Amino acid sequence: MNALHQLEGQTVLSGIRLDALTGVDDSIATFRATAADGSVCTVRVSLSLAGGEHQEASLQAAFTRIARHAVGISALAPPRAAGAVNVDGVPRLAIAHAGDPSPSAEERLTEGRATSIDAVVALLEPVAQAL
């Protein structure tokens, strides 16, 4: 956990500054971050998946593919970057998305008002069409 807090203030993934660690579970650390253009984003670092230099090209290709599929799906946070972040000298898979990590999805659900099934279907329809 201390190694994760040491990442705060560092710039990773081509210009994204990790501002604050907002959550850690068994497999993912979540940071509030700022992109080079000043926008707020969320960076998630895998704690269970280590990456090697030989995986960088395939990671970038996979990220590009994901970014293309996410275009036009308003329900998804637009991806910003992907790559490796060193945690205690071990490169860990990380991905950045536009948008603030707080509040969590669970907090948004418990604080939100009830939505009709028709409204839910309308929100999910573009996602289904994109897939």
N, C-alpha and C. Protein backbone atom coordinates (compact mmCIF):
# COMPACT_ATOMS: atom_id res chain seq x y z
N MET A 1 0.82 -1.19 0.00
CA MET A 1 0.00 0.00 0.00
C MET A 1 0.87 1.26 0.00
N ASN A 2 1.96 1.24 0.74
CA ASN A 2 2.86 2.39 0.79
C ASN A 2 3.43 2.67 -0.60
N ALA A 3 3.75 1.62 -1.35
CA ALA A 3 4.28 1.79 -2.71
C ALA A 3 3.26 2.51 -3.60
N LEU A 4 1.99 2.24 -3.37
CA LEU A 4 0.95 2.89 -4.17
C LEU A 4 0.86 4.38 -3.84
N HIS A 5 0.95 4.72 -2.56
CA HIS A 5 0.92 6.13 -2.18
C HIS A 5 2.14 6.87 -2.71
N GLN A 6 3.26 6.17 -2.88
CA GLN A 6 4.46 6.80 -3.43
C GLN A 6 4.29 7.18 -4.89
N LEU A 7 3.30 6.59 -5.56
CA LEU A 7 3.03 6.94 -6.96
C LEU A 7 2.31 8.28 -7.08
N GLU A 8 1.68 8.74 -6.01
CA GLU A 8 0.98 10.02 -6.05
C GLU A 8 1.96 11.13 -6.41
N GLY A 9 1.55 11.96 -7.37
CA GLY A 9 2.39 13.06 -7.83
C GLY A 9 3.27 12.69 -9.01
N GLN A 10 3.36 11.40 -9.33
CA GLN A 10 4.18 10.98 -10.48
C GLN A 10 3.39 11.08 -11.78
N THR A 11 4.12 11.28 -12.87
CA THR A 11 3.52 11.31 -14.19
C THR A 11 3.76 9.97 -14.86
N VAL A 12 2.67 9.37 -15.36
CA VAL A 12 2.73 8.04 -15.98
C VAL A 12 1.97 8.07 -17.30
N LEU A 13 2.07 7.01 -18.06
CA LEU A 13 1.28 6.83 -19.27
C LEU A 13 1.28 8.06 -20.18
N SER A 14 2.44 8.56 -20.49
CA SER A 14 2.58 9.67 -21.42
C SER A 14 1.84 10.93 -21.00
N GLY A 15 2.13 11.41 -19.80
CA GLY A 15 1.63 12.72 -19.41
C GLY A 15 0.44 12.75 -18.49
N ILE A 16 0.13 11.66 -17.80
CA ILE A 16 -0.98 11.65 -16.86
C ILE A 16 -0.41 11.64 -15.44
N ARG A 17 -0.73 12.69 -14.67
CA ARG A 17 -0.21 12.81 -13.31
C ARG A 17 -1.18 12.16 -12.33
N LEU A 18 -0.66 11.23 -11.52
CA LEU A 18 -1.46 10.57 -10.50
C LEU A 18 -1.59 11.52 -9.30
N ASP A 19 -2.78 12.02 -9.05
CA ASP A 19 -3.00 13.01 -8.00
C ASP A 19 -3.25 12.36 -6.64
N ALA A 20 -4.13 11.37 -6.60
CA ALA A 20 -4.49 10.77 -5.31
C ALA A 20 -4.98 9.34 -5.50
N LEU A 21 -4.57 8.48 -4.59
CA LEU A 21 -5.07 7.11 -4.54
C LEU A 21 -6.46 7.17 -3.94
N THR A 22 -7.47 6.69 -4.69
CA THR A 22 -8.84 6.80 -4.19
C THR A 22 -9.42 5.47 -3.73
N GLY A 23 -8.77 4.37 -4.10
CA GLY A 23 -9.29 3.08 -3.67
C GLY A 23 -8.37 1.94 -4.05
N VAL A 24 -8.38 0.91 -3.22
CA VAL A 24 -7.58 -0.29 -3.49
C VAL A 24 -8.42 -1.50 -3.08
N ASP A 25 -8.50 -2.49 -3.97
CA ASP A 25 -9.11 -3.75 -3.58
C ASP A 25 -8.08 -4.86 -3.81
N ASP A 26 -8.51 -6.08 -3.89
CA ASP A 26 -7.57 -7.19 -4.04
C ASP A 26 -6.77 -7.16 -5.33
N SER A 27 -7.33 -6.54 -6.37
CA SER A 27 -6.66 -6.63 -7.67
C SER A 27 -6.41 -5.30 -8.37
N ILE A 28 -7.04 -4.20 -7.93
CA ILE A 28 -6.91 -2.94 -8.65
C ILE A 28 -6.74 -1.77 -7.69
N ALA A 29 -5.81 -0.89 -8.06
CA ALA A 29 -5.66 0.39 -7.36
C ALA A 29 -6.22 1.47 -8.27
N THR A 30 -7.05 2.36 -7.72
CA THR A 30 -7.67 3.42 -8.51
C THR A 30 -7.13 4.77 -8.05
N PHE A 31 -6.71 5.58 -9.04
CA PHE A 31 -6.17 6.91 -8.77
C PHE A 31 -7.02 7.96 -9.46
N ARG A 32 -7.16 9.12 -8.80
CA ARG A 32 -7.67 10.31 -9.47
C ARG A 32 -6.43 10.93 -10.11
N ALA A 33 -6.55 11.33 -11.37
CA ALA A 33 -5.39 11.82 -12.10
C ALA A 33 -5.75 13.02 -12.95
N THR A 34 -4.70 13.68 -13.46
CA THR A 34 -4.89 14.83 -14.35
C THR A 34 -4.10 14.58 -15.63
N ALA A 35 -4.79 14.71 -16.75
CA ALA A 35 -4.14 14.53 -18.05
C ALA A 35 -3.36 15.79 -18.41
N ALA A 36 -2.51 15.70 -19.43
CA ALA A 36 -1.68 16.84 -19.85
C ALA A 36 -2.52 18.05 -20.25
N ASP A 37 -3.75 17.80 -20.74
CA ASP A 37 -4.62 18.92 -21.13
C ASP A 37 -5.40 19.51 -19.96
N GLY A 38 -5.15 19.01 -18.74
CA GLY A 38 -5.81 19.52 -17.55
C GLY A 38 -7.09 18.82 -17.17
N SER A 39 -7.56 17.89 -17.99
CA SER A 39 -8.80 17.19 -17.68
C SER A 39 -8.58 16.13 -16.60
N VAL A 40 -9.63 15.88 -15.85
CA VAL A 40 -9.59 14.88 -14.77
C VAL A 40 -9.82 13.50 -15.37
N CYS A 41 -9.06 12.53 -14.90
CA CYS A 41 -9.28 11.16 -15.36
C CYS A 41 -9.04 10.17 -14.23
N THR A 42 -9.40 8.94 -14.51
CA THR A 42 -9.25 7.83 -13.59
C THR A 42 -8.19 6.90 -14.14
N VAL A 43 -7.24 6.50 -13.30
CA VAL A 43 -6.23 5.53 -13.71
C VAL A 43 -6.40 4.31 -12.81
N ARG A 44 -6.52 3.16 -13.44
CA ARG A 44 -6.62 1.90 -12.70
C ARG A 44 -5.37 1.07 -12.98
N VAL A 45 -4.72 0.63 -11.91
CA VAL A 45 -3.48 -0.13 -12.01
C VAL A 45 -3.75 -1.54 -11.49
N SER A 46 -3.45 -2.53 -12.31
CA SER A 46 -3.63 -3.91 -11.91
C SER A 46 -2.58 -4.29 -10.89
N LEU A 47 -3.00 -4.85 -9.78
CA LEU A 47 -2.06 -5.31 -8.77
C LEU A 47 -1.72 -6.78 -8.95
N SER A 48 -2.50 -7.46 -9.79
CA SER A 48 -2.28 -8.89 -9.98
C SER A 48 -1.61 -9.23 -11.30
N LEU A 49 -1.60 -8.30 -12.24
CA LEU A 49 -1.01 -8.58 -13.55
C LEU A 49 0.25 -7.77 -13.77
N ALA A 50 1.37 -8.45 -13.81
CA ALA A 50 2.64 -7.79 -14.13
C ALA A 50 2.82 -7.83 -15.64
N GLY A 51 3.41 -6.79 -16.18
CA GLY A 51 3.66 -6.74 -17.62
C GLY A 51 5.14 -6.63 -17.90
N GLY A 52 5.53 -7.06 -19.07
CA GLY A 52 6.92 -6.95 -19.48
C GLY A 52 7.07 -6.05 -20.68
N GLU A 53 8.30 -5.63 -20.96
CA GLU A 53 8.55 -4.74 -22.10
C GLU A 53 8.09 -5.36 -23.41
N HIS A 54 8.21 -6.69 -23.52
CA HIS A 54 7.81 -7.36 -24.76
C HIS A 54 6.31 -7.27 -25.02
N GLN A 55 5.53 -6.88 -24.00
CA GLN A 55 4.08 -6.80 -24.17
C GLN A 55 3.60 -5.42 -24.57
N GLU A 56 4.50 -4.43 -24.60
CA GLU A 56 4.09 -3.05 -24.87
C GLU A 56 3.37 -2.91 -26.22
N ALA A 57 3.92 -3.51 -27.28
CA ALA A 57 3.32 -3.37 -28.62
C ALA A 57 1.93 -4.00 -28.66
N SER A 58 1.77 -5.18 -28.09
CA SER A 58 0.46 -5.83 -28.11
C SER A 58 -0.53 -5.08 -27.22
N LEU A 59 -0.04 -4.51 -26.12
CA LEU A 59 -0.91 -3.72 -25.25
C LEU A 59 -1.42 -2.50 -25.98
N GLN A 60 -0.55 -1.80 -26.70
CA GLN A 60 -0.98 -0.62 -27.45
C GLN A 60 -1.97 -0.99 -28.54
N ALA A 61 -1.77 -2.13 -29.21
CA ALA A 61 -2.70 -2.57 -30.25
C ALA A 61 -4.07 -2.89 -29.64
N ALA A 62 -4.07 -3.56 -28.50
CA ALA A 62 -5.34 -3.89 -27.83
C ALA A 62 -6.03 -2.63 -27.36
N PHE A 63 -5.28 -1.68 -26.83
CA PHE A 63 -5.86 -0.43 -26.36
C PHE A 63 -6.49 0.34 -27.51
N THR A 64 -5.81 0.39 -28.65
CA THR A 64 -6.35 1.08 -29.83
C THR A 64 -7.66 0.44 -30.25
N ARG A 65 -7.72 -0.88 -30.22
CA ARG A 65 -8.93 -1.60 -30.59
C ARG A 65 -10.07 -1.26 -29.62
N ILE A 66 -9.78 -1.24 -28.32
CA ILE A 66 -10.79 -0.90 -27.33
C ILE A 66 -11.28 0.53 -27.52
N ALA A 67 -10.34 1.44 -27.78
CA ALA A 67 -10.71 2.85 -27.97
C ALA A 67 -11.64 3.02 -29.17
N ARG A 68 -11.37 2.30 -30.25
CA ARG A 68 -12.23 2.38 -31.44
C ARG A 68 -13.64 1.91 -31.11
N HIS A 69 -13.75 0.80 -30.34
CA HIS A 69 -15.08 0.27 -30.00
C HIS A 69 -15.82 1.20 -29.05
N ALA A 70 -15.09 1.96 -28.24
CA ALA A 70 -15.74 2.83 -27.27
C ALA A 70 -16.29 4.10 -27.89
N VAL A 71 -15.84 4.46 -29.08
CA VAL A 71 -16.32 5.68 -29.72
C VAL A 71 -17.83 5.57 -29.97
N GLY A 72 -18.53 6.58 -29.54
CA GLY A 72 -19.98 6.60 -29.76
C GLY A 72 -20.79 5.91 -28.68
N ILE A 73 -20.13 5.29 -27.72
CA ILE A 73 -20.87 4.65 -26.64
C ILE A 73 -20.82 5.61 -25.45
N SER A 74 -21.88 6.39 -25.29
CA SER A 74 -21.84 7.44 -24.27
C SER A 74 -21.80 6.88 -22.86
N ALA A 75 -22.18 5.63 -22.67
CA ALA A 75 -22.17 5.04 -21.33
C ALA A 75 -20.76 4.72 -20.85
N LEU A 76 -19.79 4.64 -21.77
CA LEU A 76 -18.42 4.32 -21.38
C LEU A 76 -17.60 5.58 -21.17
N ALA A 77 -16.71 5.54 -20.19
CA ALA A 77 -15.77 6.65 -20.02
C ALA A 77 -14.72 6.50 -21.11
N PRO A 78 -14.47 7.54 -21.90
CA PRO A 78 -13.53 7.42 -23.00
C PRO A 78 -12.13 7.04 -22.51
N PRO A 79 -11.50 6.04 -23.13
CA PRO A 79 -10.15 5.67 -22.73
C PRO A 79 -9.15 6.75 -23.12
N ARG A 80 -8.14 6.96 -22.30
CA ARG A 80 -7.12 7.98 -22.56
C ARG A 80 -5.76 7.38 -22.88
N ALA A 81 -5.36 6.34 -22.15
CA ALA A 81 -4.03 5.77 -22.32
C ALA A 81 -3.98 4.40 -21.66
N ALA A 82 -2.99 3.63 -22.05
CA ALA A 82 -2.74 2.33 -21.42
C ALA A 82 -1.25 2.07 -21.47
N GLY A 83 -0.78 1.27 -20.56
CA GLY A 83 0.64 0.94 -20.52
C GLY A 83 1.02 0.36 -19.19
N ALA A 84 2.29 0.46 -18.86
CA ALA A 84 2.79 -0.10 -17.61
C ALA A 84 3.12 1.01 -16.64
N VAL A 85 2.82 0.76 -15.36
CA VAL A 85 3.19 1.64 -14.26
C VAL A 85 4.00 0.80 -13.29
N ASN A 86 5.17 1.30 -12.90
CA ASN A 86 6.01 0.55 -11.98
C ASN A 86 5.53 0.69 -10.55
N VAL A 87 5.28 -0.44 -9.92
CA VAL A 87 4.91 -0.50 -8.51
C VAL A 87 5.97 -1.35 -7.82
N ASP A 88 6.79 -0.73 -7.01
CA ASP A 88 7.92 -1.40 -6.35
C ASP A 88 8.82 -2.11 -7.36
N GLY A 89 9.08 -1.44 -8.48
CA GLY A 89 9.98 -1.99 -9.48
C GLY A 89 9.38 -3.02 -10.41
N VAL A 90 8.08 -3.31 -10.24
CA VAL A 90 7.41 -4.29 -11.09
C VAL A 90 6.45 -3.56 -12.02
N PRO A 91 6.60 -3.71 -13.34
CA PRO A 91 5.65 -3.05 -14.25
C PRO A 91 4.27 -3.69 -14.15
N ARG A 92 3.27 -2.87 -13.88
CA ARG A 92 1.89 -3.35 -13.75
C ARG A 92 1.02 -2.73 -14.83
N LEU A 93 0.11 -3.52 -15.34
CA LEU A 93 -0.80 -3.04 -16.37
C LEU A 93 -1.67 -1.92 -15.81
N ALA A 94 -1.79 -0.82 -16.57
CA ALA A 94 -2.61 0.31 -16.14
C ALA A 94 -3.38 0.86 -17.33
N ILE A 95 -4.55 1.41 -17.05
CA ILE A 95 -5.34 2.05 -18.08
C ILE A 95 -5.97 3.31 -17.49
N ALA A 96 -6.05 4.35 -18.31
CA ALA A 96 -6.63 5.62 -17.88
C ALA A 96 -7.89 5.89 -18.69
N HIS A 97 -8.90 6.40 -18.00
CA HIS A 97 -10.16 6.78 -18.63
C HIS A 97 -10.48 8.22 -18.24
N ALA A 98 -11.19 8.92 -19.13
CA ALA A 98 -11.65 10.26 -18.80
C ALA A 98 -12.68 10.17 -17.69
N GLY A 99 -12.70 11.17 -16.85
CA GLY A 99 -13.71 11.22 -15.79
C GLY A 99 -13.13 10.98 -14.42
N ASP A 100 -13.80 11.55 -13.44
CA ASP A 100 -13.38 11.47 -12.04
C ASP A 100 -13.77 10.12 -11.45
N PRO A 101 -12.87 9.48 -10.68
CA PRO A 101 -13.21 8.17 -10.09
C PRO A 101 -14.18 8.27 -8.92
N SER A 102 -14.44 9.47 -8.43
CA SER A 102 -15.33 9.61 -7.28
C SER A 102 -16.60 10.31 -7.72
N PRO A 103 -17.74 9.96 -7.29
CA PRO A 103 -18.00 8.84 -6.39
C PRO A 103 -17.93 7.52 -7.14
N SER A 104 -17.87 6.43 -6.42
CA SER A 104 -17.82 5.11 -7.03
C SER A 104 -19.18 4.78 -7.65
N ALA A 105 -19.20 3.77 -8.48
CA ALA A 105 -20.46 3.34 -9.09
C ALA A 105 -21.45 2.92 -8.01
N GLU A 106 -20.96 2.26 -6.97
CA GLU A 106 -21.83 1.84 -5.88
C GLU A 106 -22.44 3.06 -5.18
N GLU A 107 -21.63 4.09 -4.95
CA GLU A 107 -22.15 5.32 -4.32
C GLU A 107 -23.19 5.99 -5.21
N ARG A 108 -22.93 6.04 -6.52
CA ARG A 108 -23.88 6.65 -7.45
C ARG A 108 -25.20 5.90 -7.45
N LEU A 109 -25.12 4.55 -7.37
CA LEU A 109 -26.35 3.75 -7.37
C LEU A 109 -27.17 3.96 -6.11
N THR A 110 -26.51 3.99 -4.95
CA THR A 110 -27.25 4.14 -3.70
C THR A 110 -27.80 5.54 -3.53
N GLU A 111 -27.16 6.55 -4.10
CA GLU A 111 -27.62 7.92 -3.97
C GLU A 111 -28.63 8.32 -5.05
N GLY A 112 -28.67 7.54 -6.12
CA GLY A 112 -29.51 7.89 -7.26
C GLY A 112 -30.98 7.59 -7.03
N ARG A 113 -31.79 8.14 -7.92
CA ARG A 113 -33.22 7.87 -7.83
C ARG A 113 -33.55 6.69 -8.73
N ALA A 114 -34.68 6.08 -8.46
CA ALA A 114 -35.11 4.91 -9.24
C ALA A 114 -35.36 5.31 -10.69
N THR A 115 -35.05 4.40 -11.60
CA THR A 115 -35.23 4.63 -13.03
C THR A 115 -36.15 3.55 -13.59
N SER A 116 -37.00 3.94 -14.51
CA SER A 116 -37.91 2.96 -15.10
C SER A 116 -37.14 2.02 -16.01
N ILE A 117 -37.69 0.85 -16.23
CA ILE A 117 -37.06 -0.14 -17.10
C ILE A 117 -36.94 0.40 -18.52
N ASP A 118 -37.90 1.21 -18.97
CA ASP A 118 -37.84 1.80 -20.31
C ASP A 118 -36.64 2.73 -20.45
N ALA A 119 -36.35 3.51 -19.40
CA ALA A 119 -35.20 4.41 -19.43
C ALA A 119 -33.90 3.64 -19.46
N VAL A 120 -33.85 2.52 -18.72
CA VAL A 120 -32.65 1.68 -18.70
C VAL A 120 -32.42 1.07 -20.09
N VAL A 121 -33.48 0.57 -20.69
CA VAL A 121 -33.36 -0.02 -22.04
C VAL A 121 -32.88 1.04 -23.03
N ALA A 122 -33.40 2.24 -22.93
CA ALA A 122 -32.99 3.32 -23.83
C ALA A 122 -31.50 3.65 -23.65
N LEU A 123 -31.02 3.60 -22.43
CA LEU A 123 -29.59 3.86 -22.19
C LEU A 123 -28.71 2.75 -22.71
N LEU A 124 -29.17 1.51 -22.61
CA LEU A 124 -28.36 0.37 -23.01
C LEU A 124 -28.43 0.05 -24.51
N GLU A 125 -29.42 0.56 -25.19
CA GLU A 125 -29.59 0.27 -26.61
C GLU A 125 -28.35 0.64 -27.45
N PRO A 126 -27.77 1.84 -27.28
CA PRO A 126 -26.56 2.17 -28.06
C PRO A 126 -25.38 1.25 -27.76
N VAL A 127 -25.30 0.80 -26.51
CA VAL A 127 -24.22 -0.12 -26.15
C VAL A 127 -24.41 -1.45 -26.87
N ALA A 128 -25.64 -1.96 -26.87
CA ALA A 128 -25.93 -3.22 -27.56
C ALA A 128 -25.66 -3.10 -29.06
N GLN A 129 -26.04 -1.97 -29.65
CA GLN A 129 -25.80 -1.78 -31.09
C GLN A 129 -24.30 -1.72 -31.40
N ALA A 130 -23.54 -1.08 -30.52
CA ALA A 130 -22.10 -0.97 -30.76
C ALA A 130 -21.39 -2.30 -30.64
N LEU A 131 -21.91 -3.17 -29.78
CA LEU A 131 -21.30 -4.49 -29.61
C LEU A 131 -21.68 -5.41 -30.73
